[in-house]
Amino acid sequence: MVDSWIWPRAAYIHIPFCAHKCGYCDFASLAGVDHLADRYLTALESEMARMGTPQPVETIFVGGGTPTRLDAGQLRRLLAMIGRWFLLEPGGEWTVEANPGTLDEEKADVLAAGGVNRVSLGAQSFQPALLQALERNHAPEEVARALDLIRPRFPYWSFDLIFGVPGSTLPLWEADLETALSLGPAHLSCYGLVYEKGTALWKQWQAGQVREVDEEAERAMYEHTIDRLRQAGLLMYEISNFARPGHESRHNLIYWANDAYFGVGVGAARYVDGIRSVNTRDLPAYLRRIEEGREATGPTESLEPEAHARETAVLMLRRTIAGIDRSDFARRTGFDLDELAGPTLKKYVGRGLLEEDGNRVRFTREGLFLADSVLCELV
């Protein structure tokens, strides 16, 4: 058996189509190009076929963009080609991202029949004003409607929320969490808003048209998230992710272990046989290259062993329960954690930001609020 950190056991498929490009979004997504969907699916299948033989995987993740922007027939075609080229092992996890306003009964039936067993719903907020600030084009009540379709069909589901949105306050965030919990999730992803360079929101922020939530308020929101979700039985297993036992995102756990993964589609990243590469984010260029029989790959990188080991440490430390297991780390990277980063770890243990038990290193509660500083020093 080939080691999972060398040969992939996960596959990511990117669908770029959206009804509207949200102001904060830095993903390879586009609005107004739905007429290219069938052509894109043809190109996607051609890219998969270049693997030569179907590949067994433990997890599949279809993200975007908005995969459920495709119509039911296109979704059926997509799932069939994925199932043909990526052979999901028994008990595997197949996730599809969905937006509340684009999921209907027919599409939900297609997803369930096609083998999907987990849906990730992009809720982001239940406050109309905050949804408007994020340029989300669904109404709060559409989340509950979408979940009425999801619950009977999929054993696993989750949704995303964003805190620190311009105009947000701690009481508004508390209300969002209570609304979310009233819907009975077994998994929640709660992200602090990031002003990604080049996005519409970043440009508005640079021009002084929006004001970011101050650091103290954002910390209070994050702290309340940790405490309230723990009280509700959703344990933090990664810096931004909370789940009941057994409902963690297995696909994302592969990323956080720095294991290998396949990636197909415009803008998709992959990590295969020690090589990281990313497809072009330009949709016309992607289509043209694939149709001409060429690779769509853009930047490619092969990390030196030490750089790979440091990257692995950073990703593993994001796991708030598992953390970095020294023996597992050494087995995967060939490096002793203390020889690689001992002084840095010792410093942050001394400052109360990390804790260790002789084998495992994890963030303390206080360390979670300063995680970026710690992680940056490990690279």
Foldseek 3Di string as FASTA:
>chain_A
DDDQQAAPQEAEEEDAEDCDDWQQDPALHDYPVLVCLVLQLVLLLLVLCVVVAAAEHQEYEYYYNALLQDDLVSLLSNLVSCCRRYPHDVVGAYEYEHELVRDDLSNLVSCLVSPHAEYEYEQAFQDPVLCVLRPNDDHNVSVLVNVVNVVVRHPAYEYEYEPFGFPDFLVRLVVRVVVRVVSPHQKYFYYYRDRDPPGNSVVCVVVVVTDTDDLVRRVVSLVCVQVVLVVVQFHQFFLGMTGHPPRDDPNVVCVLQSGWYHYTGAQTWGAHSQKIWGFHSDVVLSSVQSVVVHDRTDDMDRDDLLVSLLVSLLSQQRGAPQHAFQVSSCVSRVDRPCVNQVVLQVVCVVVQQWDDDVGHIYGDPVVSSVVVVSSVVSD
